[in-house]
């Protein structure tokens, strides 16, 4: 079935997992406020910082060659403009993530799907804890800027962790290698997966996924 933000739609993986809109299901999305954009922008700050320094130096050399004494001012202007242009990238990525990520809760468990094609399914009985999670926003090894390798930071949050299922799209081959190293349940072979609370709304104890987890697994909250 068609789901807004998911170009690949939402297929029924098995009879027990319901589709969005069926009885007992609730669909949630990441918060779209300024704080969410700032959080992702800060994750790119190491790359933006190095990018600014490199273009500051290049701009300074160029302007100093053209007119003596204008190097520093020109370099700052060039660095600021170039960094601002680069900063558009995380804003666009964040917008796509917000519009294309859906967390579906049901009496069976929790499903997460995004616009790229990632899928995570975690049944309520198989959730083992609530703990720290890492939201990976870059599958690459880094970017060469000014002779330095700069990586985008992973975002730390909290969420549900347990033994479930994961689908990695073909275009994320590097992420498949990362996830292949994740532990598997010794008896069932299920993967260790996580669903971040922030994938379903703003941070805090009133987050909708937190409330659903309290309803289905109150034992996780002591």
N, C-alpha and C. Protein backbone atom coordinates (compact mmCIF):
# COMPACT_ATOMS: atom_id res chain seq x y z
N UNK A 1 0.83 -1.19 0.00
CA UNK A 1 0.00 0.00 0.00
C UNK A 1 0.87 1.25 0.00
N UNK A 2 0.32 2.37 -0.49
CA UNK A 2 1.06 3.62 -0.55
C UNK A 2 1.10 4.27 0.83
N UNK A 3 2.27 4.77 1.21
CA UNK A 3 2.44 5.49 2.46
C UNK A 3 3.21 6.77 2.14
N UNK A 4 2.74 7.91 2.61
CA UNK A 4 3.39 9.19 2.31
C UNK A 4 4.85 9.17 2.74
N UNK A 5 5.72 9.57 1.81
CA UNK A 5 7.14 9.64 2.10
C UNK A 5 7.90 8.36 1.81
N UNK A 6 7.20 7.26 1.57
CA UNK A 6 7.85 5.99 1.28
C UNK A 6 7.57 5.62 -0.17
N UNK A 7 8.51 5.92 -1.09
CA UNK A 7 8.27 5.66 -2.50
C UNK A 7 8.09 4.18 -2.81
N UNK A 8 8.65 3.31 -1.98
CA UNK A 8 8.52 1.87 -2.22
C UNK A 8 7.24 1.30 -1.62
N UNK A 9 6.46 2.14 -0.93
CA UNK A 9 5.21 1.66 -0.34
C UNK A 9 5.45 0.83 0.91
N UNK A 10 4.37 0.21 1.39
CA UNK A 10 4.42 -0.59 2.61
C UNK A 10 3.80 -1.94 2.32
N UNK A 11 4.64 -2.95 2.18
CA UNK A 11 4.13 -4.28 1.87
C UNK A 11 3.91 -5.07 3.15
N UNK A 12 3.04 -6.07 3.06
CA UNK A 12 2.78 -6.95 4.20
C UNK A 12 3.83 -8.05 4.20
N UNK A 13 4.68 -8.07 5.21
CA UNK A 13 5.79 -9.02 5.23
C UNK A 13 5.33 -10.41 5.66
N UNK A 14 4.27 -10.47 6.47
CA UNK A 14 3.70 -11.75 6.90
C UNK A 14 2.30 -11.47 7.44
N UNK A 15 1.46 -12.49 7.55
CA UNK A 15 0.08 -12.27 7.99
C UNK A 15 -0.02 -11.62 9.36
N UNK A 16 0.96 -11.83 10.24
CA UNK A 16 0.83 -11.31 11.59
C UNK A 16 1.16 -9.84 11.70
N UNK A 17 1.95 -9.31 10.77
CA UNK A 17 2.31 -7.89 10.82
C UNK A 17 1.27 -7.09 10.05
N UNK A 18 0.53 -6.19 10.72
CA UNK A 18 -0.52 -5.43 10.04
C UNK A 18 0.03 -4.31 9.17
N UNK A 19 -0.82 -3.80 8.29
CA UNK A 19 -0.50 -2.65 7.47
C UNK A 19 -0.94 -1.38 8.16
N UNK A 20 -0.36 -0.23 7.82
CA UNK A 20 -0.82 1.03 8.40
C UNK A 20 -2.32 1.23 8.18
N UNK A 21 -3.00 1.67 9.21
CA UNK A 21 -4.43 1.92 9.11
C UNK A 21 -5.29 0.76 9.56
N UNK A 22 -4.69 -0.42 9.72
CA UNK A 22 -5.48 -1.55 10.19
C UNK A 22 -5.68 -1.45 11.70
N UNK A 23 -6.66 -2.18 12.26
CA UNK A 23 -6.98 -2.05 13.69
C UNK A 23 -5.76 -2.24 14.59
N UNK A 24 -5.63 -1.33 15.56
CA UNK A 24 -4.57 -1.42 16.55
C UNK A 24 -3.26 -0.78 16.14
N UNK A 25 -3.17 -0.24 14.91
CA UNK A 25 -1.92 0.36 14.45
C UNK A 25 -1.92 1.87 14.70
N UNK A 26 -0.72 2.39 14.93
CA UNK A 26 -0.50 3.84 15.02
C UNK A 26 0.79 4.17 14.28
N UNK A 27 0.76 5.22 13.48
CA UNK A 27 1.93 5.62 12.71
C UNK A 27 2.49 6.93 13.26
N UNK A 28 3.82 6.97 13.40
CA UNK A 28 4.49 8.15 13.93
C UNK A 28 5.66 8.53 13.02
N UNK A 29 6.09 9.78 13.15
CA UNK A 29 7.19 10.30 12.34
C UNK A 29 8.15 11.10 13.22
N UNK A 30 9.39 11.30 12.78
CA UNK A 30 10.32 12.14 13.56
C UNK A 30 9.78 13.56 13.69
N UNK A 31 10.17 14.21 14.77
CA UNK A 31 9.77 15.60 14.96
C UNK A 31 10.40 16.47 13.88
N UNK A 32 9.66 17.46 13.41
CA UNK A 32 10.15 18.29 12.33
C UNK A 32 10.48 19.71 12.75
N UNK A 33 10.72 19.92 14.04
CA UNK A 33 11.00 21.26 14.53
C UNK A 33 12.43 21.69 14.29
N UNK A 34 12.72 22.92 14.66
CA UNK A 34 14.05 23.48 14.46
C UNK A 34 15.11 22.70 15.23
N UNK A 35 14.74 22.14 16.40
CA UNK A 35 15.69 21.38 17.19
C UNK A 35 16.19 20.14 16.46
N UNK A 36 15.31 19.50 15.69
CA UNK A 36 15.72 18.31 14.93
C UNK A 36 16.73 18.68 13.85
N UNK A 37 16.46 19.77 13.14
CA UNK A 37 17.40 20.21 12.10
C UNK A 37 18.74 20.61 12.72
N UNK A 38 18.69 21.30 13.86
CA UNK A 38 19.93 21.71 14.52
C UNK A 38 20.73 20.49 14.98
N UNK A 39 20.04 19.48 15.48
CA UNK A 39 20.70 18.27 15.95
C UNK A 39 21.48 17.60 14.81
N UNK A 40 20.88 17.51 13.64
CA UNK A 40 21.56 16.90 12.51
C UNK A 40 22.63 17.81 11.94
N UNK A 41 22.41 19.12 12.01
CA UNK A 41 23.42 20.04 11.52
C UNK A 41 24.67 19.97 12.39
N UNK A 42 24.49 19.82 13.70
CA UNK A 42 25.63 19.71 14.60
C UNK A 42 26.43 18.44 14.32
N UNK A 43 25.74 17.39 13.87
CA UNK A 43 26.46 16.15 13.54
C UNK A 43 27.42 16.37 12.38
N UNK A 44 27.12 17.35 11.52
CA UNK A 44 27.99 17.66 10.39
C UNK A 44 29.05 18.70 10.74
N UNK A 45 29.05 19.19 11.98
CA UNK A 45 29.93 20.30 12.33
C UNK A 45 31.42 20.03 12.10
N UNK A 46 31.96 18.81 12.34
CA UNK A 46 33.38 18.60 12.04
C UNK A 46 33.70 18.82 10.57
N UNK A 47 32.83 18.32 9.69
CA UNK A 47 33.05 18.49 8.26
C UNK A 47 32.93 19.96 7.87
N UNK A 48 31.94 20.66 8.43
CA UNK A 48 31.75 22.07 8.12
C UNK A 48 32.93 22.90 8.61
N UNK A 49 33.47 22.55 9.79
CA UNK A 49 34.60 23.29 10.34
C UNK A 49 35.84 23.19 9.46
N UNK A 50 36.17 21.97 9.05
CA UNK A 50 37.34 21.78 8.19
C UNK A 50 37.12 22.45 6.84
N UNK A 51 35.91 22.34 6.32
CA UNK A 51 35.57 22.94 5.04
C UNK A 51 35.78 24.46 5.10
N UNK A 52 35.36 25.08 6.21
CA UNK A 52 35.52 26.52 6.36
C UNK A 52 37.00 26.92 6.38
N UNK A 53 37.80 26.17 7.13
CA UNK A 53 39.23 26.50 7.23
C UNK A 53 39.91 26.39 5.87
N UNK A 54 39.60 25.32 5.13
CA UNK A 54 40.23 25.13 3.83
C UNK A 54 39.90 26.29 2.89
N UNK A 55 38.61 26.66 2.82
CA UNK A 55 38.24 27.75 1.91
C UNK A 55 38.65 29.11 2.43
N UNK A 56 38.82 29.23 3.75
CA UNK A 56 39.38 30.47 4.29
C UNK A 56 40.80 30.67 3.78
N UNK A 57 41.59 29.62 3.81
CA UNK A 57 42.98 29.70 3.34
C UNK A 57 43.04 29.96 1.83
N UNK A 58 42.22 29.23 1.07
CA UNK A 58 42.22 29.41 -0.38
C UNK A 58 41.75 30.82 -0.75
N UNK A 59 40.69 31.28 -0.08
CA UNK A 59 40.19 32.62 -0.36
C UNK A 59 41.18 33.70 0.02
N UNK A 60 41.88 33.50 1.14
CA UNK A 60 42.87 34.48 1.58
C UNK A 60 44.00 34.61 0.56
N UNK A 61 44.46 33.47 0.06
CA UNK A 61 45.54 33.50 -0.93
C UNK A 61 45.09 34.21 -2.20
N UNK A 62 43.84 33.88 -2.63
CA UNK A 62 43.32 34.49 -3.87
C UNK A 62 43.18 36.01 -3.72
N UNK A 63 42.55 36.46 -2.64
CA UNK A 63 42.31 37.90 -2.47
C UNK A 63 43.61 38.66 -2.22
N UNK A 64 44.54 38.03 -1.51
CA UNK A 64 45.82 38.70 -1.24
C UNK A 64 46.60 38.87 -2.53
N UNK A 65 46.44 37.93 -3.45
CA UNK A 65 47.12 38.03 -4.75
C UNK A 65 46.52 39.17 -5.57
N UNK A 66 45.18 39.32 -5.47
CA UNK A 66 44.49 40.36 -6.24
C UNK A 66 44.76 41.74 -5.66
N UNK A 67 44.61 41.86 -4.32
CA UNK A 67 44.79 43.17 -3.68
C UNK A 67 45.42 42.96 -2.31
N UNK A 68 46.62 43.47 -2.13
CA UNK A 68 47.33 43.29 -0.88
C UNK A 68 46.55 43.85 0.31
N UNK A 69 46.49 43.10 1.39
CA UNK A 69 45.81 43.54 2.60
C UNK A 69 44.37 43.09 2.71
N UNK A 70 43.84 42.46 1.65
CA UNK A 70 42.43 42.02 1.67
C UNK A 70 42.30 40.51 1.87
N UNK A 71 43.43 39.84 2.06
CA UNK A 71 43.41 38.39 2.11
C UNK A 71 42.51 37.81 3.19
N UNK A 72 42.67 38.27 4.45
CA UNK A 72 41.91 37.71 5.55
C UNK A 72 40.41 37.96 5.39
N UNK A 73 40.05 39.19 5.04
CA UNK A 73 38.64 39.53 4.86
C UNK A 73 38.02 38.70 3.74
N UNK A 74 38.73 38.65 2.63
CA UNK A 74 38.23 37.86 1.50
C UNK A 74 38.13 36.39 1.83
N UNK A 75 39.11 35.89 2.58
CA UNK A 75 39.09 34.48 2.96
C UNK A 75 37.90 34.14 3.84
N UNK A 76 37.59 35.03 4.78
CA UNK A 76 36.44 34.80 5.67
C UNK A 76 35.15 34.77 4.87
N UNK A 77 35.02 35.71 3.91
CA UNK A 77 33.81 35.76 3.09
C UNK A 77 33.67 34.49 2.26
N UNK A 78 34.76 34.08 1.61
CA UNK A 78 34.73 32.87 0.78
C UNK A 78 34.42 31.64 1.64
N UNK A 79 35.09 31.55 2.80
CA UNK A 79 34.86 30.40 3.67
C UNK A 79 33.43 30.34 4.17
N UNK A 80 32.87 31.50 4.53
CA UNK A 80 31.50 31.53 5.03
C UNK A 80 30.50 31.13 3.96
N UNK A 81 30.69 31.65 2.74
CA UNK A 81 29.76 31.33 1.65
C UNK A 81 29.85 29.85 1.29
N UNK A 82 31.08 29.31 1.19
CA UNK A 82 31.26 27.91 0.82
C UNK A 82 30.68 26.99 1.90
N UNK A 83 30.90 27.34 3.17
CA UNK A 83 30.38 26.52 4.27
C UNK A 83 28.86 26.57 4.32
N UNK A 84 28.30 27.74 4.06
CA UNK A 84 26.84 27.87 4.04
C UNK A 84 26.24 27.00 2.94
N UNK A 85 26.89 26.97 1.79
CA UNK A 85 26.41 26.12 0.69
C UNK A 85 26.46 24.64 1.09
N UNK A 86 27.55 24.26 1.75
CA UNK A 86 27.68 22.87 2.17
C UNK A 86 26.65 22.53 3.24
N UNK A 87 26.31 23.50 4.09
CA UNK A 87 25.36 23.26 5.18
C UNK A 87 23.97 22.95 4.66
N UNK A 88 23.70 23.27 3.40
CA UNK A 88 22.40 22.94 2.82
C UNK A 88 22.22 21.42 2.75
N UNK A 89 23.33 20.68 2.61
CA UNK A 89 23.25 19.22 2.47
C UNK A 89 22.58 18.55 3.67
N UNK A 90 23.03 18.80 4.92
CA UNK A 90 22.34 18.15 6.05
C UNK A 90 20.90 18.61 6.21
N UNK A 91 20.59 19.84 5.80
CA UNK A 91 19.20 20.31 5.89
C UNK A 91 18.32 19.50 4.94
N UNK A 92 18.82 19.28 3.72
CA UNK A 92 18.06 18.49 2.74
C UNK A 92 17.93 17.04 3.21
N UNK A 93 19.04 16.49 3.73
CA UNK A 93 19.00 15.11 4.23
C UNK A 93 18.00 14.97 5.38
N UNK A 94 18.00 15.94 6.27
CA UNK A 94 17.10 15.88 7.42
C UNK A 94 15.65 15.98 6.97
N UNK A 95 15.37 16.84 6.02
CA UNK A 95 14.00 16.97 5.50
C UNK A 95 13.52 15.66 4.89
N UNK A 96 14.38 15.01 4.09
CA UNK A 96 14.02 13.73 3.50
C UNK A 96 13.79 12.67 4.58
N UNK A 97 14.64 12.70 5.62
CA UNK A 97 14.51 11.73 6.70
C UNK A 97 13.19 11.92 7.43
N UNK A 98 12.84 13.18 7.73
CA UNK A 98 11.61 13.45 8.47
C UNK A 98 10.38 13.04 7.67
N UNK A 99 10.37 13.41 6.38
CA UNK A 99 9.21 13.13 5.53
C UNK A 99 9.10 11.65 5.19
N UNK A 100 10.25 10.94 5.19
CA UNK A 100 10.24 9.57 4.70
C UNK A 100 10.43 8.50 5.74
N UNK A 101 10.42 8.83 7.02
CA UNK A 101 10.56 7.83 8.08
C UNK A 101 9.22 7.62 8.78
N UNK A 102 8.80 6.38 8.86
CA UNK A 102 7.55 6.04 9.53
C UNK A 102 7.79 4.94 10.54
N UNK A 103 7.32 5.14 11.76
CA UNK A 103 7.36 4.12 12.80
C UNK A 103 5.92 3.67 13.03
N UNK A 104 5.68 2.38 12.84
CA UNK A 104 4.33 1.82 12.99
C UNK A 104 4.30 0.90 14.20
N UNK A 105 3.42 1.19 15.15
CA UNK A 105 3.25 0.31 16.31
C UNK A 105 1.94 -0.44 16.16
N UNK A 106 1.91 -1.64 16.71
CA UNK A 106 0.73 -2.50 16.65
C UNK A 106 0.79 -3.46 17.82
N UNK A 107 -0.23 -4.25 18.05
CA UNK A 107 -0.16 -5.26 19.12
C UNK A 107 0.97 -6.26 18.91
N UNK A 108 1.48 -6.37 17.67
CA UNK A 108 2.57 -7.31 17.38
C UNK A 108 3.92 -6.74 17.81
N UNK A 109 4.16 -5.47 17.48
CA UNK A 109 5.46 -4.88 17.79
C UNK A 109 5.64 -3.54 17.13
N UNK A 110 6.89 -3.24 16.78
CA UNK A 110 7.26 -1.95 16.20
C UNK A 110 7.94 -2.19 14.86
N UNK A 111 7.54 -1.41 13.86
CA UNK A 111 8.20 -1.43 12.56
C UNK A 111 8.70 -0.03 12.23
N UNK A 112 9.88 0.04 11.66
CA UNK A 112 10.42 1.31 11.18
C UNK A 112 10.81 1.15 9.72
N UNK A 113 10.39 2.10 8.89
CA UNK A 113 10.81 2.12 7.48
C UNK A 113 11.14 3.55 7.10
N UNK A 114 12.11 3.69 6.18
CA UNK A 114 12.46 5.03 5.72
C UNK A 114 12.41 5.11 4.20
N UNK A 115 12.68 6.32 3.67
CA UNK A 115 12.53 6.57 2.24
C UNK A 115 13.59 5.86 1.42
N UNK A 116 14.68 5.45 2.05
CA UNK A 116 15.73 4.75 1.32
C UNK A 116 15.38 3.28 1.12
N UNK A 117 14.68 2.72 2.09
CA UNK A 117 14.31 1.31 2.01
C UNK A 117 14.73 0.49 3.21
N UNK A 118 15.33 1.13 4.23
CA UNK A 118 15.66 0.42 5.46
C UNK A 118 14.37 -0.02 6.16
N UNK A 119 14.41 -1.20 6.74
CA UNK A 119 13.28 -1.70 7.52
C UNK A 119 13.80 -2.38 8.78
N UNK A 120 13.13 -2.12 9.88
CA UNK A 120 13.43 -2.79 11.14
C UNK A 120 12.11 -3.24 11.75
N UNK A 121 12.05 -4.50 12.17
CA UNK A 121 10.86 -5.03 12.84
C UNK A 121 11.27 -5.65 14.17
N UNK A 122 10.55 -5.28 15.21
CA UNK A 122 10.88 -5.74 16.56
C UNK A 122 9.58 -6.06 17.30
N UNK A 123 9.39 -7.33 17.62
CA UNK A 123 8.19 -7.74 18.35
C UNK A 123 8.30 -7.34 19.82
N UNK A 124 7.16 -6.99 20.41
CA UNK A 124 7.18 -6.55 21.81
C UNK A 124 7.82 -7.57 22.75
N UNK A 125 7.53 -8.87 22.64
CA UNK A 125 8.16 -9.82 23.58
C UNK A 125 9.67 -9.93 23.41
N UNK A 126 10.18 -9.52 22.23
CA UNK A 126 11.61 -9.66 21.95
C UNK A 126 12.42 -8.42 22.29
N UNK A 127 11.75 -7.36 22.79
CA UNK A 127 12.48 -6.19 23.28
C UNK A 127 13.15 -6.57 24.60
N UNK A 128 14.44 -6.33 24.70
CA UNK A 128 15.16 -6.75 25.91
C UNK A 128 15.53 -5.59 26.82
N UNK A 129 15.61 -4.37 26.26
CA UNK A 129 15.97 -3.24 27.11
C UNK A 129 15.73 -1.91 26.39
N UNK A 130 15.74 -0.87 27.17
CA UNK A 130 15.76 0.50 26.66
C UNK A 130 17.14 1.05 26.98
N UNK A 131 17.85 1.48 25.95
CA UNK A 131 19.24 1.90 26.17
C UNK A 131 19.66 2.87 25.08
N UNK A 132 20.94 3.22 25.12
CA UNK A 132 21.52 4.16 24.16
C UNK A 132 21.52 3.56 22.76
N UNK A 133 21.15 4.36 21.77
CA UNK A 133 21.19 3.94 20.37
C UNK A 133 21.99 4.97 19.58
N UNK A 134 22.50 4.54 18.42
CA UNK A 134 23.21 5.44 17.52
C UNK A 134 22.45 5.51 16.21
N UNK A 135 22.08 6.72 15.82
CA UNK A 135 21.41 6.92 14.54
C UNK A 135 22.46 7.25 13.51
N UNK A 136 22.75 6.31 12.62
CA UNK A 136 23.80 6.52 11.63
C UNK A 136 23.24 7.32 10.48
N UNK A 137 23.84 8.49 10.22
CA UNK A 137 23.35 9.34 9.15
C UNK A 137 24.33 9.40 7.99
N UNK A 138 25.39 8.62 8.05
CA UNK A 138 26.33 8.56 6.94
C UNK A 138 26.92 7.16 6.87
N UNK A 139 26.81 6.55 5.69
CA UNK A 139 27.34 5.20 5.52
C UNK A 139 28.77 5.20 5.00
N UNK A 140 29.29 6.39 4.67
CA UNK A 140 30.62 6.47 4.10
C UNK A 140 31.71 6.41 5.15
N UNK A 141 32.94 6.29 4.69
CA UNK A 141 34.08 6.24 5.59
C UNK A 141 34.63 7.63 5.90
N UNK A 142 34.13 8.64 5.21
CA UNK A 142 34.60 9.98 5.45
C UNK A 142 34.81 10.72 4.15
N UNK A 143 35.17 11.98 4.26
CA UNK A 143 35.40 12.82 3.10
C UNK A 143 36.77 13.46 3.22
N UNK A 144 37.53 13.45 2.14
CA UNK A 144 38.84 14.08 2.12
C UNK A 144 38.66 15.58 1.89
N UNK A 145 39.03 16.38 2.88
CA UNK A 145 38.96 17.84 2.76
C UNK A 145 40.29 18.41 3.24
N UNK A 146 41.00 19.05 2.36
CA UNK A 146 42.28 19.66 2.74
C UNK A 146 43.28 18.66 3.26
N UNK A 147 43.26 17.46 2.70
CA UNK A 147 44.21 16.44 3.12
C UNK A 147 43.82 15.71 4.39
N UNK A 148 42.64 16.00 4.94
CA UNK A 148 42.18 15.34 6.15
C UNK A 148 40.92 14.54 5.87
N UNK A 149 40.79 13.42 6.55
CA UNK A 149 39.59 12.61 6.42
C UNK A 149 38.62 13.01 7.52
N UNK A 150 37.46 13.52 7.12
CA UNK A 150 36.47 14.00 8.08
C UNK A 150 35.21 13.17 7.96
N UNK A 151 34.70 12.69 9.09
CA UNK A 151 33.49 11.87 9.10
C UNK A 151 32.35 12.63 9.78
N UNK A 152 31.15 12.31 9.35
CA UNK A 152 29.97 12.85 10.00
C UNK A 152 29.71 12.05 11.27
N UNK A 153 29.45 12.73 12.37
CA UNK A 153 29.23 12.05 13.63
C UNK A 153 27.90 11.31 13.64
N UNK A 154 27.88 10.14 14.28
CA UNK A 154 26.61 9.47 14.53
C UNK A 154 25.87 10.21 15.64
N UNK A 155 24.54 10.13 15.60
CA UNK A 155 23.72 10.82 16.59
C UNK A 155 23.31 9.85 17.69
N UNK A 156 23.54 10.26 18.92
CA UNK A 156 23.22 9.40 20.06
C UNK A 156 21.84 9.74 20.61
N UNK A 157 21.06 8.71 20.89
CA UNK A 157 19.74 8.90 21.49
C UNK A 157 19.42 7.65 22.30
N UNK A 158 18.15 7.46 22.64
CA UNK A 158 17.72 6.28 23.37
C UNK A 158 16.59 5.62 22.60
N UNK A 159 16.43 4.32 22.81
CA UNK A 159 15.38 3.62 22.09
C UNK A 159 15.22 2.19 22.57
N UNK A 160 14.41 1.44 21.81
CA UNK A 160 14.14 0.04 22.11
C UNK A 160 15.21 -0.84 21.45
N UNK A 161 15.73 -1.79 22.19
CA UNK A 161 16.75 -2.71 21.68
C UNK A 161 16.27 -4.14 21.92
N UNK A 162 16.40 -4.97 20.91
CA UNK A 162 15.96 -6.36 21.07
C UNK A 162 16.31 -7.20 19.86
N UNK A 163 15.78 -8.41 19.82
CA UNK A 163 16.08 -9.37 18.77
C UNK A 163 14.98 -9.31 17.71
N UNK A 164 15.34 -8.84 16.51
CA UNK A 164 14.32 -8.65 15.49
C UNK A 164 14.83 -8.91 14.09
N UNK A 165 14.23 -8.19 13.14
CA UNK A 165 14.57 -8.36 11.72
C UNK A 165 14.99 -7.01 11.15
N UNK A 166 15.91 -7.08 10.17
CA UNK A 166 16.38 -5.87 9.51
C UNK A 166 16.49 -6.12 8.02
N UNK A 167 16.04 -5.13 7.23
CA UNK A 167 16.20 -5.17 5.78
C UNK A 167 17.05 -3.98 5.38
N UNK A 168 18.16 -4.24 4.68
CA UNK A 168 19.06 -3.18 4.23
C UNK A 168 18.95 -3.08 2.72
N UNK A 169 18.64 -1.89 2.18
CA UNK A 169 18.48 -1.75 0.72
C UNK A 169 19.79 -1.98 -0.02
N UNK A 170 19.67 -2.29 -1.31
CA UNK A 170 20.85 -2.60 -2.11
C UNK A 170 21.84 -1.45 -2.19
N UNK A 171 21.33 -0.19 -2.17
CA UNK A 171 22.21 0.95 -2.33
C UNK A 171 23.02 1.26 -1.07
N UNK A 172 22.78 0.53 0.00
CA UNK A 172 23.51 0.76 1.25
C UNK A 172 24.42 -0.43 1.55
N UNK A 173 25.26 -0.77 0.60
CA UNK A 173 26.12 -1.95 0.73
C UNK A 173 27.08 -1.83 1.91
N UNK A 174 27.62 -0.64 2.15
CA UNK A 174 28.55 -0.47 3.27
C UNK A 174 27.84 -0.67 4.60
N UNK A 175 26.60 -0.19 4.70
CA UNK A 175 25.86 -0.39 5.93
C UNK A 175 25.55 -1.86 6.15
N UNK A 176 25.36 -2.60 5.06
CA UNK A 176 25.11 -4.03 5.20
C UNK A 176 26.31 -4.73 5.85
N UNK A 177 27.51 -4.28 5.50
CA UNK A 177 28.71 -4.84 6.11
C UNK A 177 28.77 -4.52 7.60
N UNK A 178 28.38 -3.30 7.95
CA UNK A 178 28.38 -2.90 9.36
C UNK A 178 27.38 -3.74 10.15
N UNK A 179 26.17 -3.87 9.61
CA UNK A 179 25.12 -4.61 10.32
C UNK A 179 25.41 -6.11 10.36
N UNK A 180 26.18 -6.60 9.40
CA UNK A 180 26.51 -8.03 9.39
C UNK A 180 27.33 -8.42 10.61
N UNK A 181 28.02 -7.44 11.21
CA UNK A 181 28.83 -7.71 12.39
C UNK A 181 28.02 -7.65 13.69
N UNK A 182 26.73 -7.28 13.60
CA UNK A 182 25.90 -7.21 14.79
C UNK A 182 25.64 -8.61 15.36
N UNK A 183 25.49 -8.72 16.67
CA UNK A 183 25.22 -10.03 17.28
C UNK A 183 23.91 -10.62 16.79
N UNK A 184 23.83 -11.94 16.82
CA UNK A 184 22.60 -12.66 16.50
C UNK A 184 22.23 -13.57 17.67
N UNK A 185 20.95 -13.78 17.82
CA UNK A 185 20.48 -14.63 18.91
C UNK A 185 20.99 -16.05 18.68
N UNK A 186 21.61 -16.67 19.68
CA UNK A 186 22.23 -17.98 19.47
C UNK A 186 21.23 -19.08 19.12
N UNK A 187 19.96 -18.91 19.48
CA UNK A 187 18.97 -19.96 19.20
C UNK A 187 18.13 -19.66 17.97
N UNK A 188 17.63 -18.42 17.85
CA UNK A 188 16.72 -18.08 16.75
C UNK A 188 17.42 -17.49 15.54
N UNK A 189 18.63 -16.95 15.73
CA UNK A 189 19.33 -16.29 14.64
C UNK A 189 18.86 -14.87 14.37
N UNK A 190 17.95 -14.35 15.20
CA UNK A 190 17.45 -12.98 15.03
C UNK A 190 18.58 -11.98 15.26
N UNK A 191 18.49 -10.86 14.55
CA UNK A 191 19.52 -9.82 14.67
C UNK A 191 19.24 -8.91 15.86
N UNK A 192 20.30 -8.34 16.41
CA UNK A 192 20.15 -7.33 17.45
C UNK A 192 19.85 -6.01 16.75
N UNK A 193 18.64 -5.47 16.97
CA UNK A 193 18.21 -4.26 16.28
C UNK A 193 17.78 -3.22 17.31
N UNK A 194 17.62 -1.98 16.83
CA UNK A 194 17.20 -0.89 17.71
C UNK A 194 16.26 0.03 16.94
N UNK A 195 15.30 0.59 17.65
CA UNK A 195 14.41 1.61 17.11
C UNK A 195 14.49 2.81 18.03
N UNK A 196 15.01 3.92 17.52
CA UNK A 196 15.18 5.12 18.34
C UNK A 196 13.84 5.76 18.65
N UNK A 197 13.69 6.25 19.88
CA UNK A 197 12.48 6.97 20.25
C UNK A 197 12.30 8.20 19.37
N UNK A 198 13.41 8.86 19.00
CA UNK A 198 13.31 10.09 18.24
C UNK A 198 12.88 9.86 16.80
N UNK A 199 12.87 8.61 16.36
CA UNK A 199 12.32 8.30 15.04
C UNK A 199 10.81 8.42 15.03
N UNK A 200 10.20 8.49 16.22
CA UNK A 200 8.74 8.53 16.33
C UNK A 200 8.23 9.85 16.88
N UNK A 201 9.11 10.82 17.13
CA UNK A 201 8.64 12.09 17.65
C UNK A 201 9.69 12.78 18.49
N UNK A 202 9.32 13.86 19.15
CA UNK A 202 10.28 14.63 19.95
C UNK A 202 10.79 13.84 21.14
N UNK A 203 11.97 14.20 21.60
CA UNK A 203 12.58 13.55 22.74
C UNK A 203 11.78 13.86 24.01
N UNK A 204 11.78 12.91 24.95
CA UNK A 204 11.07 13.11 26.21
C UNK A 204 10.19 11.93 26.55
N UNK A 205 9.73 11.88 27.79
CA UNK A 205 8.94 10.75 28.25
C UNK A 205 7.52 10.74 27.69
N UNK A 206 7.11 11.85 27.03
CA UNK A 206 5.81 11.88 26.37
C UNK A 206 5.92 11.52 24.89
N UNK A 207 7.10 11.06 24.47
CA UNK A 207 7.28 10.57 23.11
C UNK A 207 6.28 9.44 22.84
N UNK A 208 5.62 9.43 21.69
CA UNK A 208 4.59 8.42 21.44
C UNK A 208 5.09 6.98 21.47
N UNK A 209 6.33 6.74 21.04
CA UNK A 209 6.87 5.38 21.09
C UNK A 209 7.16 4.97 22.53
N UNK A 210 7.59 5.93 23.35
CA UNK A 210 7.78 5.66 24.78
C UNK A 210 6.45 5.26 25.41
N UNK A 211 5.39 5.98 25.08
CA UNK A 211 4.08 5.68 25.65
C UNK A 211 3.58 4.30 25.20
N UNK A 212 3.82 3.97 23.93
CA UNK A 212 3.43 2.65 23.43
C UNK A 212 4.23 1.55 24.11
N UNK A 213 5.53 1.80 24.33
CA UNK A 213 6.36 0.81 25.01
C UNK A 213 5.90 0.62 26.45
N UNK A 214 5.51 1.69 27.11
CA UNK A 214 4.97 1.58 28.47
C UNK A 214 3.71 0.73 28.50
N UNK A 215 2.90 0.85 27.47
CA UNK A 215 1.63 0.12 27.42
C UNK A 215 1.85 -1.37 27.17
N UNK A 216 2.78 -1.69 26.26
CA UNK A 216 2.98 -3.08 25.87
C UNK A 216 4.05 -3.79 26.72
N UNK A 217 5.06 -3.03 27.20
CA UNK A 217 6.14 -3.62 27.98
C UNK A 217 6.46 -2.75 29.20
N UNK A 218 5.53 -2.63 30.14
CA UNK A 218 5.80 -1.79 31.32
C UNK A 218 6.98 -2.28 32.15
N UNK A 219 7.34 -3.56 32.01
CA UNK A 219 8.45 -4.11 32.79
C UNK A 219 9.78 -3.48 32.41
N UNK A 220 9.88 -2.90 31.22
CA UNK A 220 11.12 -2.29 30.76
C UNK A 220 11.43 -0.99 31.52
N UNK A 221 10.42 -0.46 32.20
CA UNK A 221 10.59 0.83 32.87
C UNK A 221 10.75 0.67 34.37
N UNK A 222 11.02 -0.52 34.82
CA UNK A 222 11.28 -0.76 36.23
C UNK A 222 10.05 -0.63 37.10
